[in-house]
Amino acid sequence: MSKMLTKTKRRNQTLLKTSPSKMNSGIILTLLFSIFIPLQTFALDEQINTTSTSSYPLDSAQAWLVKMSNAVRTLNYTVSFVLLKPGMDSQPYLWRHGVNELGLEMEQLNLLNGPGREVVRIGNKVSYFEPSVPPYSLYSSIINGPLPSEFLQRPEKLMLGYEFIMVGRSRIAGLAAQQIKIISKDKSRFGINVWLDQETGLLLKMNMFDQNAKFLEQIQVTSLQVTEEPDPFFAKIEPEMLPDVVSFSPKSEFNSEWTIGYIPKGMTIEKRDFLRLPGSSVVVEYIMLSDGLIDVSVYLQEKDNDKPQDNLVGTVQSDTLLTIEHGDLNITIIGKLPAVTANAIAKSIEKTTK
């Protein structure tokens, strides 16, 4: 068991939310923090529904994705994989999953380089151990990390916004694999190729590419072991030693003056809130859009005419960063989607008519 899990039990800690105070280039680094610790982590997750492959033709892409989601939730496995993004060193991870004799799911995700980041899930309790942050736990059915949990566990949620195309068989990490191409129906998002283990359906590789087929991001499995029993690691965990669950006060109904007129097909508003940068009185509105495969963060702040903002579009690793002035707002959008789509979302934001 890792050193992080052997630390003594900590008291409940209030988790600090990070958000931008001004939508200008001087705050972009603060804003980009949301790329690496997405705010959807702090929401409760719905129960996962089991879908049968009998709903689809046996050798269809949809049946393969259901096979993948069933395997992710029911098998005992240990996976080593590497995350590759432009402009950064490769990030190796260890991912363990097990189901005990009572049917309780257990999961671990461990970043192996640097000071590390470790996440452990026992049932619906997820505990996070990160450098310079006190350990904390949340109620959730998924682990937040580089693997798209919604896609792995609930791929049916993607079928409104994406088409799935069977490509062919190949070999990944020494295993026979089925390749599937994922394309957004309205061409508003980047394309993705996935390779699934032919025997189990588990994910072996995922590539994201732009409209010009330029590589943007890759998850590559280097080792996969499926076993009859859960990894011995889980037997060493003492649940009472895990940090307490962070409590959040129930919020009153959220009211916003702004509406988004254009949202890509299959995307929905998953979270909406006001955020304030600690030590500042400036408040911004935060909106998270998601289609189950990618998340997009939208930040709104009323424009200060005394401090004009420069329009900016660029990329940070595999994420698009767009900041523009639009009407009475300064708008910043961050996410894995084309700049033209981010611009269309931003330009569609208008004051709510009553």
Protein backbone atom coordinates (compact mmCIF):
# COMPACT_ATOMS: atom_id res chain seq x y z
CA MET A 1 0.00 0.00 0.00
CA SER A 2 1.27 3.44 -0.90
CA LYS A 3 2.67 5.87 1.65
CA MET A 4 -0.21 8.25 1.00
CA LEU A 5 -2.73 5.72 2.30
CA THR A 6 -0.77 4.94 5.46
CA LYS A 7 -1.02 8.48 6.81
CA THR A 8 -3.20 8.99 9.88
CA LYS A 9 -6.81 9.98 9.53
CA ARG A 10 -7.32 13.68 8.78
CA ARG A 11 -10.14 15.97 9.85
CA ASN A 12 -12.67 17.20 7.28
CA GLN A 13 -11.11 19.87 5.11
CA THR A 14 -12.89 22.56 3.16
CA LEU A 15 -11.87 22.17 -0.45
CA LEU A 16 -10.74 25.40 -2.05
CA LYS A 17 -12.26 26.18 -5.41
CA THR A 18 -9.99 27.99 -7.83
CA SER A 19 -11.41 30.41 -10.34
CA PRO A 20 -10.28 33.46 -12.31
CA SER A 21 -10.70 36.93 -10.89
CA LYS A 22 -10.28 38.84 -14.14
CA MET A 23 -10.78 37.51 -17.65
CA ASN A 24 -7.49 38.74 -19.03
CA SER A 25 -4.12 37.24 -19.87
CA GLY A 26 -2.78 37.98 -16.38
CA ILE A 27 -5.20 35.45 -14.85
CA ILE A 28 -4.99 32.72 -17.51
CA LEU A 29 -2.61 30.56 -15.49
CA THR A 30 -5.03 30.60 -12.57
CA LEU A 31 -7.89 29.76 -14.90
CA LEU A 32 -6.02 26.85 -16.47
CA PHE A 33 -5.94 25.13 -13.08
CA SER A 34 -9.47 23.98 -13.92
CA ILE A 35 -8.12 21.84 -16.77
CA PHE A 36 -6.26 19.60 -14.38
CA ILE A 37 -8.75 19.53 -11.49
CA PRO A 38 -12.17 19.79 -13.19
CA LEU A 39 -14.96 21.17 -11.02
CA GLN A 40 -17.37 18.35 -11.89
CA THR A 41 -15.44 16.31 -9.34
CA PHE A 42 -17.43 18.03 -6.61
CA ALA A 43 -20.84 16.88 -7.85
CA LEU A 44 -22.58 13.70 -6.81
CA ASP A 45 -22.86 11.04 -9.51
CA GLU A 46 -25.98 9.16 -10.49
CA GLN A 47 -26.14 5.39 -10.23
CA ILE A 48 -24.73 3.51 -13.20
CA ASN A 49 -27.27 1.63 -15.29
CA THR A 50 -26.36 -1.75 -16.71
CA THR A 51 -27.01 -2.04 -20.45
CA SER A 52 -27.20 -5.32 -22.30
CA THR A 53 -25.37 -5.93 -25.56
CA SER A 54 -28.54 -7.62 -26.80
CA SER A 55 -29.94 -4.14 -27.48
CA TYR A 56 -27.59 -3.85 -30.48
CA PRO A 57 -26.34 -6.05 -33.33
CA LEU A 58 -23.64 -8.37 -31.97
CA ASP A 59 -20.73 -6.92 -33.95
CA SER A 60 -21.84 -3.28 -33.93
CA ALA A 61 -19.79 -0.45 -32.44
CA GLN A 62 -22.54 0.13 -29.87
CA ALA A 63 -22.39 -3.50 -28.70
CA TRP A 64 -18.62 -3.22 -28.32
CA LEU A 65 -19.00 -0.09 -26.18
CA VAL A 66 -21.54 -1.81 -23.95
CA LYS A 67 -19.13 -4.75 -23.63
CA MET A 68 -16.45 -2.24 -22.58
CA SER A 69 -18.65 -0.60 -19.93
CA ASN A 70 -19.69 -3.96 -18.46
CA ALA A 71 -16.03 -5.08 -18.29
CA VAL A 72 -14.90 -1.82 -16.66
CA ARG A 73 -17.43 -2.31 -13.83
CA THR A 74 -17.35 -6.08 -13.29
CA LEU A 75 -13.82 -7.41 -13.93
CA ASN A 76 -10.74 -7.51 -11.70
CA TYR A 77 -7.87 -5.89 -13.59
CA THR A 78 -4.60 -3.99 -13.31
CA VAL A 79 -3.73 -1.59 -16.12
CA SER A 80 -0.60 0.46 -16.76
CA PHE A 81 -1.11 3.30 -19.23
CA VAL A 82 0.62 6.46 -20.41
CA LEU A 83 -0.98 9.84 -21.13
CA LEU A 84 0.65 11.82 -23.95
CA LYS A 85 -0.07 15.48 -24.71
CA PRO A 86 1.82 18.00 -26.88
CA GLY A 87 4.37 20.08 -24.99
CA MET A 88 4.52 17.93 -21.87
CA ASP A 89 6.33 14.85 -20.63
CA SER A 90 4.50 11.54 -20.77
CA GLN A 91 2.52 10.73 -17.63
CA PRO A 92 2.49 7.06 -16.54
CA TYR A 93 -0.44 5.78 -14.49
CA LEU A 94 -1.38 2.62 -12.64
CA TRP A 95 -5.09 1.76 -12.63
CA ARG A 96 -6.48 -1.06 -10.50
CA HIS A 97 -10.09 -2.24 -10.28
CA GLY A 98 -11.64 -5.00 -8.23
CA VAL A 99 -14.99 -6.38 -7.10
CA ASN A 100 -15.03 -8.13 -3.73
CA GLU A 101 -17.14 -11.10 -2.64
CA LEU A 102 -19.96 -8.73 -1.60
CA GLY A 103 -20.05 -7.09 -5.03
CA LEU A 104 -18.43 -3.87 -3.78
CA GLU A 105 -16.38 -2.05 -6.42
CA MET A 106 -12.87 -0.92 -5.48
CA GLU A 107 -10.60 1.23 -7.61
CA GLN A 108 -7.21 2.94 -7.51
CA LEU A 109 -5.62 5.44 -9.91
CA ASN A 110 -2.00 6.40 -9.24
CA LEU A 111 0.16 8.92 -11.14
CA LEU A 112 3.62 7.35 -11.01
CA ASN A 113 5.90 10.28 -11.93
CA GLY A 114 6.88 13.23 -9.73
CA PRO A 115 5.28 13.73 -6.31
CA GLY A 116 2.32 11.75 -7.61
CA ARG A 117 -1.43 11.88 -7.24
CA GLU A 118 -3.41 8.94 -5.91
CA VAL A 119 -7.15 8.35 -5.91
CA VAL A 120 -8.88 5.42 -4.21
CA ARG A 121 -12.57 4.49 -4.55
CA ILE A 122 -14.31 2.06 -2.22
CA GLY A 123 -17.94 1.80 -3.30
CA ASN A 124 -19.25 5.35 -3.56
CA LYS A 125 -16.50 6.96 -1.47
CA VAL A 126 -13.60 8.44 -3.43
CA SER A 127 -10.49 9.60 -1.56
CA TYR A 128 -7.94 11.97 -3.10
CA PHE A 129 -4.29 12.23 -2.07
CA GLU A 130 -2.46 15.09 -3.80
CA PRO A 131 0.74 17.06 -3.18
CA SER A 132 0.27 20.23 -1.08
CA VAL A 133 -3.45 19.50 -0.58
CA PRO A 134 -4.85 17.87 2.58
CA PRO A 135 -6.41 14.47 1.81
CA TYR A 136 -10.18 14.54 1.31
CA SER A 137 -13.01 12.25 0.23
CA LEU A 138 -16.15 12.76 -1.86
CA TYR A 139 -19.24 10.71 -2.54
CA SER A 140 -19.01 9.59 -6.17
CA SER A 141 -19.37 6.51 -8.36
CA ILE A 142 -16.37 7.45 -10.53
CA ILE A 143 -12.74 8.53 -10.18
CA ASN A 144 -11.71 11.86 -11.67
CA GLY A 145 -8.61 11.46 -13.86
CA PRO A 146 -7.38 11.35 -17.47
CA LEU A 147 -9.68 8.44 -18.37
CA PRO A 148 -13.13 9.66 -19.50
CA SER A 149 -15.26 7.91 -16.88
CA GLU A 150 -18.60 8.71 -18.48
CA PHE A 151 -17.43 7.15 -21.74
CA LEU A 152 -16.05 4.06 -20.02
CA GLN A 153 -19.05 3.41 -17.79
CA ARG A 154 -22.03 5.02 -19.53
CA PRO A 155 -21.24 5.12 -23.28
CA GLU A 156 -24.94 5.18 -24.14
CA LYS A 157 -24.97 8.84 -23.02
CA LEU A 158 -22.71 9.68 -25.97
CA MET A 159 -24.97 8.26 -28.65
CA LEU A 160 -27.00 11.45 -29.07
CA GLY A 161 -23.96 13.52 -30.04
CA TYR A 162 -21.59 11.03 -31.70
CA GLU A 163 -21.48 8.44 -34.45
CA PHE A 164 -19.53 5.21 -33.84
CA ILE A 165 -17.89 3.51 -36.80
CA MET A 166 -16.28 0.07 -36.79
CA VAL A 167 -12.85 0.35 -38.43
CA GLY A 168 -11.11 -3.01 -38.13
CA ARG A 169 -8.91 -5.20 -36.01
CA SER A 170 -5.32 -4.46 -35.00
CA ARG A 171 -2.83 -5.23 -32.22
CA ILE A 172 -2.24 -2.99 -29.20
CA ALA A 173 0.11 -3.78 -26.29
CA GLY A 174 0.45 -7.30 -27.69
CA LEU A 175 -3.33 -7.90 -27.62
CA ALA A 176 -5.88 -8.25 -30.41
CA ALA A 177 -7.99 -5.10 -30.50
CA GLN A 178 -11.11 -3.76 -32.19
CA GLN A 179 -10.80 -0.18 -33.47
CA ILE A 180 -13.78 2.19 -33.35
CA LYS A 181 -13.88 5.74 -34.74
CA ILE A 182 -15.95 8.32 -32.83
CA ILE A 183 -17.14 11.38 -34.77
CA SER A 184 -19.43 14.17 -33.53
CA LYS A 185 -22.65 14.24 -35.53
CA ASP A 186 -22.57 18.02 -36.03
CA LYS A 187 -18.78 18.16 -36.64
CA SER A 188 -18.41 20.52 -33.69
CA ARG A 189 -15.83 18.47 -31.76
CA PHE A 190 -12.55 16.70 -32.35
CA GLY A 191 -12.45 13.12 -33.61
CA ILE A 192 -11.43 10.16 -31.48
CA ASN A 193 -10.21 6.65 -32.23
CA VAL A 194 -10.41 3.94 -29.57
CA TRP A 195 -9.07 0.39 -29.51
CA LEU A 196 -10.79 -2.18 -27.28
CA ASP A 197 -9.37 -5.50 -26.14
CA GLN A 198 -11.01 -8.16 -28.29
CA GLU A 199 -11.36 -10.61 -25.41
CA THR A 200 -12.57 -8.41 -22.55
CA GLY A 201 -13.62 -5.14 -24.23
CA LEU A 202 -11.37 -3.06 -21.96
CA LEU A 203 -9.83 0.12 -23.39
CA LEU A 204 -6.31 -0.33 -24.81
CA LYS A 205 -5.76 2.96 -26.63
CA MET A 206 -7.46 6.29 -27.28
CA ASN A 207 -6.30 8.93 -29.78
CA MET A 208 -7.77 12.42 -30.16
CA PHE A 209 -7.16 14.36 -33.38
CA ASP A 210 -8.29 17.68 -34.87
CA GLN A 211 -10.13 18.37 -38.14
CA ASN A 212 -6.83 18.08 -40.04
CA ALA A 213 -6.06 14.68 -38.46
CA LYS A 214 -3.35 16.29 -36.32
CA PHE A 215 -2.59 14.35 -33.12
CA LEU A 216 -3.79 16.09 -29.95
CA GLU A 217 -3.79 13.54 -27.15
CA GLN A 218 -3.24 9.84 -26.56
CA ILE A 219 -3.88 7.29 -23.83
CA GLN A 220 -1.82 4.15 -24.48
CA VAL A 221 -2.11 1.01 -22.36
CA THR A 222 1.26 -0.69 -21.90
CA SER A 223 0.15 -3.60 -19.71
CA LEU A 224 -3.19 -5.27 -18.95
CA GLN A 225 -3.79 -8.07 -16.44
CA VAL A 226 -7.23 -9.53 -15.80
CA THR A 227 -7.44 -11.82 -12.75
CA GLU A 228 -9.98 -14.01 -10.98
CA GLU A 229 -9.52 -12.17 -7.66
CA PRO A 230 -9.02 -8.47 -6.86
CA ASP A 231 -5.45 -7.22 -6.57
CA PRO A 232 -4.02 -7.81 -3.05
CA PHE A 233 -3.59 -4.03 -2.80
CA PHE A 234 -7.28 -3.65 -1.90
CA ALA A 235 -7.03 -6.04 1.05
CA LYS A 236 -4.47 -3.69 2.64
CA ILE A 237 -6.79 -0.68 2.64
CA GLU A 238 -8.27 0.20 6.02
CA PRO A 239 -11.50 2.09 5.23
CA GLU A 240 -11.52 3.80 8.62
CA MET A 241 -8.11 5.35 7.81
CA LEU A 242 -9.40 7.07 4.67
CA PRO A 243 -10.10 10.82 4.99
CA ASP A 244 -13.57 12.02 5.87
CA VAL A 245 -16.04 13.04 3.19
CA VAL A 246 -16.12 16.77 2.52
CA SER A 247 -19.54 18.19 3.31
CA PHE A 248 -21.17 20.82 1.10
CA SER A 249 -24.03 23.01 2.21
CA PRO A 250 -27.12 22.72 -0.01
CA LYS A 251 -27.35 25.65 -2.39
CA SER A 252 -30.33 27.79 -3.09
CA GLU A 253 -31.77 27.88 -6.59
CA PHE A 254 -29.27 29.30 -9.08
CA ASN A 255 -30.42 32.27 -11.16
CA SER A 256 -28.39 33.67 -14.02
CA GLU A 257 -28.88 36.65 -16.27
CA TRP A 258 -27.27 34.82 -19.19
CA THR A 259 -28.34 32.07 -21.55
CA ILE A 260 -26.28 30.03 -24.03
CA GLY A 261 -28.01 29.99 -27.40
CA TYR A 262 -25.77 27.40 -29.05
CA ILE A 263 -24.67 24.13 -27.43
CA PRO A 264 -23.16 21.35 -29.61
CA LYS A 265 -25.43 18.37 -30.22
CA GLY A 266 -25.37 15.90 -27.36
CA MET A 267 -23.91 18.41 -24.89
CA THR A 268 -25.77 19.61 -21.82
CA ILE A 269 -25.15 22.05 -18.99
CA GLU A 270 -23.89 19.86 -16.15
CA LYS A 271 -22.99 22.54 -13.60
CA ARG A 272 -23.61 26.23 -13.11
CA ASP A 273 -22.34 28.32 -10.23
CA PHE A 274 -20.81 31.60 -9.09
CA LEU A 275 -17.16 31.40 -8.11
CA ARG A 276 -14.93 33.88 -6.29
CA LEU A 277 -11.16 33.87 -6.26
CA PRO A 278 -9.95 33.63 -2.65
CA GLY A 279 -8.77 37.03 -1.42
CA SER A 280 -10.75 38.88 -4.07
CA SER A 281 -14.22 40.38 -4.21
CA VAL A 282 -14.54 39.68 -7.94
CA VAL A 283 -17.13 37.00 -8.80
CA VAL A 284 -17.43 35.12 -12.09
CA GLU A 285 -20.10 32.78 -13.35
CA TYR A 286 -18.94 29.25 -14.16
CA ILE A 287 -20.75 26.90 -16.54
CA MET A 288 -19.66 23.35 -17.33
CA LEU A 289 -20.84 21.75 -20.56
CA SER A 290 -20.36 18.02 -21.13
CA ASP A 291 -21.29 15.30 -23.58
CA GLY A 292 -19.90 12.45 -21.48
CA LEU A 293 -16.62 12.37 -23.40
CA ILE A 294 -15.32 15.94 -23.12
CA ASP A 295 -16.00 18.75 -20.66
CA VAL A 296 -15.98 22.43 -21.56
CA SER A 297 -15.57 25.22 -18.99
CA VAL A 298 -17.22 28.59 -19.65
CA TYR A 299 -16.42 31.63 -17.47
CA LEU A 300 -18.50 34.82 -17.61
CA GLN A 301 -17.68 38.20 -16.12
CA GLU A 302 -19.32 41.53 -16.74
CA LYS A 303 -17.02 43.79 -18.74
CA ASP A 304 -15.09 46.56 -17.05
CA ASN A 305 -14.83 49.39 -19.57
CA ASP A 306 -11.86 50.83 -17.69
CA LYS A 307 -9.92 47.60 -18.21
CA PRO A 308 -10.46 46.40 -21.80
CA GLN A 309 -9.68 42.73 -22.50
CA ASP A 310 -7.65 41.48 -25.43
CA ASN A 311 -9.32 38.76 -27.48
CA LEU A 312 -7.22 35.62 -27.43
CA VAL A 313 -7.38 32.17 -29.00
CA GLY A 314 -4.76 29.49 -28.52
CA THR A 315 -4.09 26.01 -27.25
CA VAL A 316 -2.76 24.69 -23.98
CA GLN A 317 -1.61 21.12 -24.56
CA SER A 318 -4.75 19.55 -26.09
CA ASP A 319 -7.20 22.20 -24.83
CA THR A 320 -8.47 25.21 -26.73
CA LEU A 321 -8.34 28.51 -24.83
CA LEU A 322 -10.58 31.32 -26.06
CA THR A 323 -11.11 34.70 -24.39
CA ILE A 324 -13.28 37.36 -26.05
CA GLU A 325 -15.34 40.44 -25.31
CA HIS A 326 -18.96 39.91 -26.29
CA GLY A 327 -21.62 42.48 -25.52
CA ASP A 328 -21.44 43.27 -21.82
CA LEU A 329 -19.32 40.20 -21.03
CA ASN A 330 -15.77 39.00 -20.92
CA ILE A 331 -15.98 35.30 -21.80
CA THR A 332 -13.34 32.60 -21.42
CA ILE A 333 -13.83 29.05 -22.72
CA ILE A 334 -11.48 26.12 -22.10
CA GLY A 335 -11.96 22.62 -23.45
CA LYS A 336 -11.08 19.94 -25.98
CA LEU A 337 -13.02 21.35 -28.91
CA PRO A 338 -12.21 23.39 -32.05
CA ALA A 339 -11.75 27.13 -31.64
CA VAL A 340 -14.60 27.78 -34.11
CA THR A 341 -16.96 25.83 -31.84
CA ALA A 342 -15.77 27.66 -28.74
CA ASN A 343 -16.31 30.96 -30.56
CA ALA A 344 -19.82 29.93 -31.63
CA ILE A 345 -20.71 29.09 -28.02
CA ALA A 346 -19.31 32.41 -26.78
CA LYS A 347 -21.07 34.50 -29.44
CA SER A 348 -24.40 32.82 -28.63
CA ILE A 349 -24.41 33.97 -24.98
CA GLU A 350 -27.00 36.67 -24.43
CA LYS A 351 -28.83 38.28 -21.54
CA THR A 352 -31.95 36.38 -20.52
CA THR A 353 -35.14 37.99 -21.77
CA LYS A 354 -37.92 38.12 -19.17
